[in-house]
Amino acid sequence: MNANKEVRLMESRRRWLSGLAITLTTIVSYLAFWRLAPGTTFIVGCAALLACLIALWVAGKPQD
């Protein structure tokens, strides 16, 4: 039983680290593009934030 718990813990940790790596890569890319085209990057960032908020709202809705 402990082995199964350890496997789940490692998988959870890998997913968390993977999410962190994706987030950091996204932030670095966003800042790099900001130097090239700040106006366009701002619009894309606002759209991405809106999409993220909608996705979190949908994910949090109770299922009927």
PDB file of N, CA and C in Angstrom:
ATOM      1  N   MET A   1       0.821  -1.186   0.000  1.00  0.00           N
ATOM      2  CA  MET A   1       0.000   0.000   0.000  1.00  0.00           C
ATOM      3  C   MET A   1       0.872   1.260   0.000  1.00  0.00           C
ATOM      4  N   ASN A   2       1.973   1.255   0.735  1.00  0.00           N
ATOM      5  CA  ASN A   2       2.870   2.407   0.764  1.00  0.00           C
ATOM      6  C   ASN A   2       3.500   2.670  -0.592  1.00  0.00           C
ATOM      7  N   ALA A   3       3.790   1.606  -1.335  1.00  0.00           N
ATOM      8  CA  ALA A   3       4.391   1.771  -2.660  1.00  0.00           C
ATOM      9  C   ALA A   3       3.431   2.504  -3.587  1.00  0.00           C
ATOM     10  N   ASN A   4       2.154   2.168  -3.510  1.00  0.00           N
ATOM     11  CA  ASN A   4       1.154   2.824  -4.346  1.00  0.00           C
ATOM     12  C   ASN A   4       1.036   4.305  -3.993  1.00  0.00           C
ATOM     13  N   LYS A   5       1.101   4.617  -2.700  1.00  0.00           N
ATOM     14  CA  LYS A   5       1.017   6.001  -2.244  1.00  0.00           C
ATOM     15  C   LYS A   5       2.240   6.791  -2.716  1.00  0.00           C
ATOM     16  N   GLU A   6       3.406   6.167  -2.670  1.00  0.00           N
ATOM     17  CA  GLU A   6       4.633   6.828  -3.125  1.00  0.00           C
ATOM     18  C   GLU A   6       4.584   7.095  -4.627  1.00  0.00           C
ATOM     19  N   VAL A   7       4.037   6.159  -5.388  1.00  0.00           N
ATOM     20  CA  VAL A   7       3.928   6.345  -6.839  1.00  0.00           C
ATOM     21  C   VAL A   7       3.008   7.522  -7.140  1.00  0.00           C
ATOM     22  N   ARG A   8       1.864   7.596  -6.441  1.00  0.00           N
ATOM     23  CA  ARG A   8       0.940   8.715  -6.652  1.00  0.00           C
ATOM     24  C   ARG A   8       1.577  10.042  -6.256  1.00  0.00           C
ATOM     25  N   LEU A   9       2.360  10.034  -5.175  1.00  0.00           N
ATOM     26  CA  LEU A   9       3.035  11.248  -4.732  1.00  0.00           C
ATOM     27  C   LEU A   9       4.053  11.709  -5.774  1.00  0.00           C
ATOM     28  N   MET A  10       4.818  10.783  -6.329  1.00  0.00           N
ATOM     29  CA  MET A  10       5.804  11.130  -7.352  1.00  0.00           C
ATOM     30  C   MET A  10       5.119  11.656  -8.614  1.00  0.00           C
ATOM     31  N   GLU A  11       4.007  11.028  -9.014  1.00  0.00           N
ATOM     32  CA  GLU A  11       3.278  11.490 -10.194  1.00  0.00           C
ATOM     33  C   GLU A  11       2.726  12.886  -9.958  1.00  0.00           C
ATOM     34  N   SER A  12       2.219  13.141  -8.765  1.00  0.00           N
ATOM     35  CA  SER A  12       1.698  14.453  -8.426  1.00  0.00           C
ATOM     36  C   SER A  12       2.812  15.497  -8.461  1.00  0.00           C
ATOM     37  N   ARG A  13       3.962  15.150  -7.930  1.00  0.00           N
ATOM     38  CA  ARG A  13       5.101  16.066  -7.924  1.00  0.00           C
ATOM     39  C   ARG A  13       5.574  16.346  -9.349  1.00  0.00           C
ATOM     40  N   ARG A  14       5.595  15.321 -10.200  1.00  0.00           N
ATOM     41  CA  ARG A  14       5.998  15.515 -11.602  1.00  0.00           C
ATOM     42  C   ARG A  14       5.031  16.436 -12.328  1.00  0.00           C
ATOM     43  N   ARG A  15       3.740  16.240 -12.086  1.00  0.00           N
ATOM     44  CA  ARG A  15       2.742  17.112 -12.727  1.00  0.00           C
ATOM     45  C   ARG A  15       2.904  18.552 -12.265  1.00  0.00           C
ATOM     46  N   TRP A  16       3.150  18.737 -10.982  1.00  0.00           N
ATOM     47  CA  TRP A  16       3.325  20.076 -10.437  1.00  0.00           C
ATOM     48  C   TRP A  16       4.554  20.739 -11.046  1.00  0.00           C
ATOM     49  N   LEU A  17       5.667  20.016 -11.108  1.00  0.00           N
ATOM     50  CA  LEU A  17       6.886  20.565 -11.696  1.00  0.00           C
ATOM     51  C   LEU A  17       6.712  20.843 -13.185  1.00  0.00           C
ATOM     52  N   SER A  18       5.985  19.978 -13.860  1.00  0.00           N
ATOM     53  CA  SER A  18       5.714  20.196 -15.281  1.00  0.00           C
ATOM     54  C   SER A  18       4.897  21.468 -15.475  1.00  0.00           C
ATOM     55  N   GLY A  19       3.877  21.659 -14.654  1.00  0.00           N
ATOM     56  CA  GLY A  19       3.076  22.874 -14.727  1.00  0.00           C
ATOM     57  C   GLY A  19       3.897  24.117 -14.433  1.00  0.00           C
ATOM     58  N   LEU A  20       4.787  24.018 -13.454  1.00  0.00           N
ATOM     59  CA  LEU A  20       5.658  25.138 -13.114  1.00  0.00           C
ATOM     60  C   LEU A  20       6.588  25.481 -14.279  1.00  0.00           C
ATOM     61  N   ALA A  21       7.159  24.471 -14.919  1.00  0.00           N
ATOM     62  CA  ALA A  21       8.046  24.701 -16.052  1.00  0.00           C
ATOM     63  C   ALA A  21       7.296  25.364 -17.210  1.00  0.00           C
ATOM     64  N   ILE A  22       6.085  24.904 -17.472  1.00  0.00           N
ATOM     65  CA  ILE A  22       5.282  25.503 -18.543  1.00  0.00           C
ATOM     66  C   ILE A  22       4.950  26.951 -18.218  1.00  0.00           C
ATOM     67  N   THR A  23       4.598  27.214 -16.960  1.00  0.00           N
ATOM     68  CA  THR A  23       4.262  28.581 -16.547  1.00  0.00           C
ATOM     69  C   THR A  23       5.465  29.508 -16.680  1.00  0.00           C
ATOM     70  N   LEU A  24       6.624  29.073 -16.215  1.00  0.00           N
ATOM     71  CA  LEU A  24       7.819  29.911 -16.307  1.00  0.00           C
ATOM     72  C   LEU A  24       8.217  30.157 -17.760  1.00  0.00           C
ATOM     73  N   THR A  25       8.114  29.135 -18.591  1.00  0.00           N
ATOM     74  CA  THR A  25       8.424  29.297 -20.010  1.00  0.00           C
ATOM     75  C   THR A  25       7.475  30.290 -20.662  1.00  0.00           C
ATOM     76  N   THR A  26       6.206  30.213 -20.306  1.00  0.00           N
ATOM     77  CA  THR A  26       5.220  31.136 -20.848  1.00  0.00           C
ATOM     78  C   THR A  26       5.524  32.570 -20.436  1.00  0.00           C
ATOM     79  N   ILE A  27       5.874  32.772 -19.172  1.00  0.00           N
ATOM     80  CA  ILE A  27       6.179  34.122 -18.684  1.00  0.00           C
ATOM     81  C   ILE A  27       7.411  34.684 -19.388  1.00  0.00           C
ATOM     82  N   VAL A  28       8.451  33.887 -19.532  1.00  0.00           N
ATOM     83  CA  VAL A  28       9.672  34.349 -20.204  1.00  0.00           C
ATOM     84  C   VAL A  28       9.382  34.691 -21.658  1.00  0.00           C
ATOM     85  N   SER A  29       8.609  33.852 -22.336  1.00  0.00           N
ATOM     86  CA  SER A  29       8.256  34.127 -23.734  1.00  0.00           C
ATOM     87  C   SER A  29       7.433  35.399 -23.839  1.00  0.00           C
ATOM     88  N   TYR A  30       6.485  35.562 -22.922  1.00  0.00           N
ATOM     89  CA  TYR A  30       5.637  36.757 -22.916  1.00  0.00           C
ATOM     90  C   TYR A  30       6.488  38.015 -22.767  1.00  0.00           C
ATOM     91  N   LEU A  31       7.443  37.989 -21.840  1.00  0.00           N
ATOM     92  CA  LEU A  31       8.297  39.159 -21.637  1.00  0.00           C
ATOM     93  C   LEU A  31       9.203  39.414 -22.835  1.00  0.00           C
ATOM     94  N   ALA A  32       9.657  38.357 -23.494  1.00  0.00           N
ATOM     95  CA  ALA A  32      10.491  38.533 -24.688  1.00  0.00           C
ATOM     96  C   ALA A  32       9.684  39.167 -25.812  1.00  0.00           C
ATOM     97  N   PHE A  33       8.464  38.703 -26.022  1.00  0.00           N
ATOM     98  CA  PHE A  33       7.626  39.289 -27.063  1.00  0.00           C
ATOM     99  C   PHE A  33       7.200  40.710 -26.703  1.00  0.00           C
ATOM    100  N   TRP A  34       7.106  41.010 -25.420  1.00  0.00           N
ATOM    101  CA  TRP A  34       6.729  42.352 -24.986  1.00  0.00           C
ATOM    102  C   TRP A  34       7.723  43.379 -25.519  1.00  0.00           C
ATOM    103  N   ARG A  35       9.007  43.015 -25.550  1.00  0.00           N
ATOM    104  CA  ARG A  35      10.031  43.930 -26.066  1.00  0.00           C
ATOM    105  C   ARG A  35       9.878  44.145 -27.562  1.00  0.00           C
ATOM    106  N   LEU A  36       9.378  43.151 -28.278  1.00  0.00           N
ATOM    107  CA  LEU A  36       9.233  43.264 -29.726  1.00  0.00           C
ATOM    108  C   LEU A  36       7.983  44.036 -30.127  1.00  0.00           C
ATOM    109  N   ALA A  37       6.853  43.722 -29.492  1.00  0.00           N
ATOM    110  CA  ALA A  37       5.581  44.342 -29.863  1.00  0.00           C
ATOM    111  C   ALA A  37       4.698  44.464 -28.622  1.00  0.00           C
ATOM    112  N   PRO A  38       4.867  45.531 -27.859  1.00  0.00           N
ATOM    113  CA  PRO A  38       4.130  45.637 -26.597  1.00  0.00           C
ATOM    114  C   PRO A  38       2.609  45.692 -26.765  1.00  0.00           C
ATOM    115  N   GLY A  39       2.112  46.405 -27.754  1.00  0.00           N
ATOM    116  CA  GLY A  39       0.662  46.528 -27.930  1.00  0.00           C
ATOM    117  C   GLY A  39       0.003  45.200 -28.236  1.00  0.00           C
ATOM    118  N   THR A  40       0.555  44.484 -29.192  1.00  0.00           N
ATOM    119  CA  THR A  40       0.004  43.187 -29.577  1.00  0.00           C
ATOM    120  C   THR A  40       0.118  42.190 -28.428  1.00  0.00           C
ATOM    121  N   THR A  41       1.244  42.215 -27.748  1.00  0.00           N
ATOM    122  CA  THR A  41       1.446  41.299 -26.631  1.00  0.00           C
ATOM    123  C   THR A  41       0.450  41.579 -25.513  1.00  0.00           C
ATOM    124  N   PHE A  42       0.142  42.847 -25.274  1.00  0.00           N
ATOM    125  CA  PHE A  42      -0.831  43.201 -24.241  1.00  0.00           C
ATOM    126  C   PHE A  42      -2.213  42.648 -24.593  1.00  0.00           C
ATOM    127  N   ILE A  43      -2.609  42.789 -25.847  1.00  0.00           N
ATOM    128  CA  ILE A  43      -3.916  42.289 -26.285  1.00  0.00           C
ATOM    129  C   ILE A  43      -3.969  40.769 -26.169  1.00  0.00           C
ATOM    130  N   VAL A  44      -2.921  40.095 -26.607  1.00  0.00           N
ATOM    131  CA  VAL A  44      -2.870  38.632 -26.515  1.00  0.00           C
ATOM    132  C   VAL A  44      -2.890  38.193 -25.053  1.00  0.00           C
ATOM    133  N   GLY A  45      -2.167  38.902 -24.199  1.00  0.00           N
ATOM    134  CA  GLY A  45      -2.152  38.575 -22.769  1.00  0.00           C
ATOM    135  C   GLY A  45      -3.515  38.751 -22.124  1.00  0.00           C
ATOM    136  N   CYS A  46      -4.224  39.820 -22.489  1.00  0.00           N
ATOM    137  CA  CYS A  46      -5.574  40.037 -21.959  1.00  0.00           C
ATOM    138  C   CYS A  46      -6.525  38.940 -22.415  1.00  0.00           C
ATOM    139  N   ALA A  47      -6.424  38.555 -23.682  1.00  0.00           N
ATOM    140  CA  ALA A  47      -7.276  37.479 -24.200  1.00  0.00           C
ATOM    141  C   ALA A  47      -6.973  36.158 -23.496  1.00  0.00           C
ATOM    142  N   ALA A  48      -5.689  35.886 -23.255  1.00  0.00           N
ATOM    143  CA  ALA A  48      -5.307  34.651 -22.573  1.00  0.00           C
ATOM    144  C   ALA A  48      -5.804  34.650 -21.124  1.00  0.00           C
ATOM    145  N   LEU A  49      -5.724  35.784 -20.462  1.00  0.00           N
ATOM    146  CA  LEU A  49      -6.211  35.880 -19.090  1.00  0.00           C
ATOM    147  C   LEU A  49      -7.720  35.672 -19.040  1.00  0.00           C
ATOM    148  N   LEU A  50      -8.439  36.265 -19.960  1.00  0.00           N
ATOM    149  CA  LEU A  50      -9.884  36.085 -20.032  1.00  0.00           C
ATOM    150  C   LEU A  50     -10.235  34.613 -20.280  1.00  0.00           C
ATOM    151  N   ALA A  51      -9.513  33.977 -21.204  1.00  0.00           N
ATOM    152  CA  ALA A  51      -9.760  32.559 -21.492  1.00  0.00           C
ATOM    153  C   ALA A  51      -9.474  31.692 -20.266  1.00  0.00           C
ATOM    154  N   CYS A  52      -8.427  32.027 -19.529  1.00  0.00           N
ATOM    155  CA  CYS A  52      -8.086  31.278 -18.313  1.00  0.00           C
ATOM    156  C   CYS A  52      -9.181  31.440 -17.261  1.00  0.00           C
ATOM    157  N   LEU A  53      -9.673  32.648 -17.090  1.00  0.00           N
ATOM    158  CA  LEU A  53     -10.741  32.878 -16.120  1.00  0.00           C
ATOM    159  C   LEU A  53     -12.023  32.135 -16.498  1.00  0.00           C
ATOM    160  N   ILE A  54     -12.355  32.121 -17.769  1.00  0.00           N
ATOM    161  CA  ILE A  54     -13.540  31.389 -18.226  1.00  0.00           C
ATOM    162  C   ILE A  54     -13.357  29.892 -17.993  1.00  0.00           C
ATOM    163  N   ALA A  55     -12.155  29.370 -18.291  1.00  0.00           N
ATOM    164  CA  ALA A  55     -11.890  27.948 -18.094  1.00  0.00           C
ATOM    165  C   ALA A  55     -11.990  27.576 -16.612  1.00  0.00           C
ATOM    166  N   LEU A  56     -11.462  28.423 -15.731  1.00  0.00           N
ATOM    167  CA  LEU A  56     -11.552  28.147 -14.302  1.00  0.00           C
ATOM    168  C   LEU A  56     -12.994  28.237 -13.815  1.00  0.00           C
ATOM    169  N   TRP A  57     -13.758  29.178 -14.359  1.00  0.00           N
ATOM    170  CA  TRP A  57     -15.164  29.304 -13.999  1.00  0.00           C
ATOM    171  C   TRP A  57     -15.945  28.062 -14.414  1.00  0.00           C
ATOM    172  N   VAL A  58     -15.702  27.596 -15.646  1.00  0.00           N
ATOM    173  CA  VAL A  58     -16.391  26.401 -16.134  1.00  0.00           C
ATOM    174  C   VAL A  58     -15.982  25.176 -15.309  1.00  0.00           C
ATOM    175  N   ALA A  59     -14.695  25.072 -14.974  1.00  0.00           N
ATOM    176  CA  ALA A  59     -14.208  23.931 -14.199  1.00  0.00           C
ATOM    177  C   ALA A  59     -14.800  23.927 -12.788  1.00  0.00           C
ATOM    178  N   GLY A  60     -15.103  25.101 -12.248  1.00  0.00           N
ATOM    179  CA  GLY A  60     -15.618  25.182 -10.896  1.00  0.00           C
ATOM    180  C   GLY A  60     -17.132  25.044 -10.782  1.00  0.00           C
ATOM    181  N   LYS A  61     -17.822  25.037 -11.920  1.00  0.00           N
ATOM    182  CA  LYS A  61     -19.274  24.918 -11.876  1.00  0.00           C
ATOM    183  C   LYS A  61     -19.668  23.513 -11.441  1.00  0.00           C
ATOM    184  N   PRO A  62     -20.675  23.390 -10.591  1.00  0.00           N
ATOM    185  CA  PRO A  62     -21.125  22.056 -10.207  1.00  0.00           C
ATOM    186  C   PRO A  62     -21.826  21.354 -11.384  1.00  0.00           C
ATOM    187  N   GLN A  63     -21.566  20.069 -11.486  1.00  0.00           N
ATOM    188  CA  GLN A  63     -22.196  19.300 -12.567  1.00  0.00           C
ATOM    189  C   GLN A  63     -23.583  18.882 -12.137  1.00  0.00           C
ATOM    190  N   ASP A  64     -24.534  19.005 -13.067  1.00  0.00           N
ATOM    191  CA  ASP A  64     -25.927  18.637 -12.770  1.00  0.00           C
ATOM    192  C   ASP A  64     -26.169  17.171 -13.044  1.00  0.00           C
TER     193      ASP A  64
END
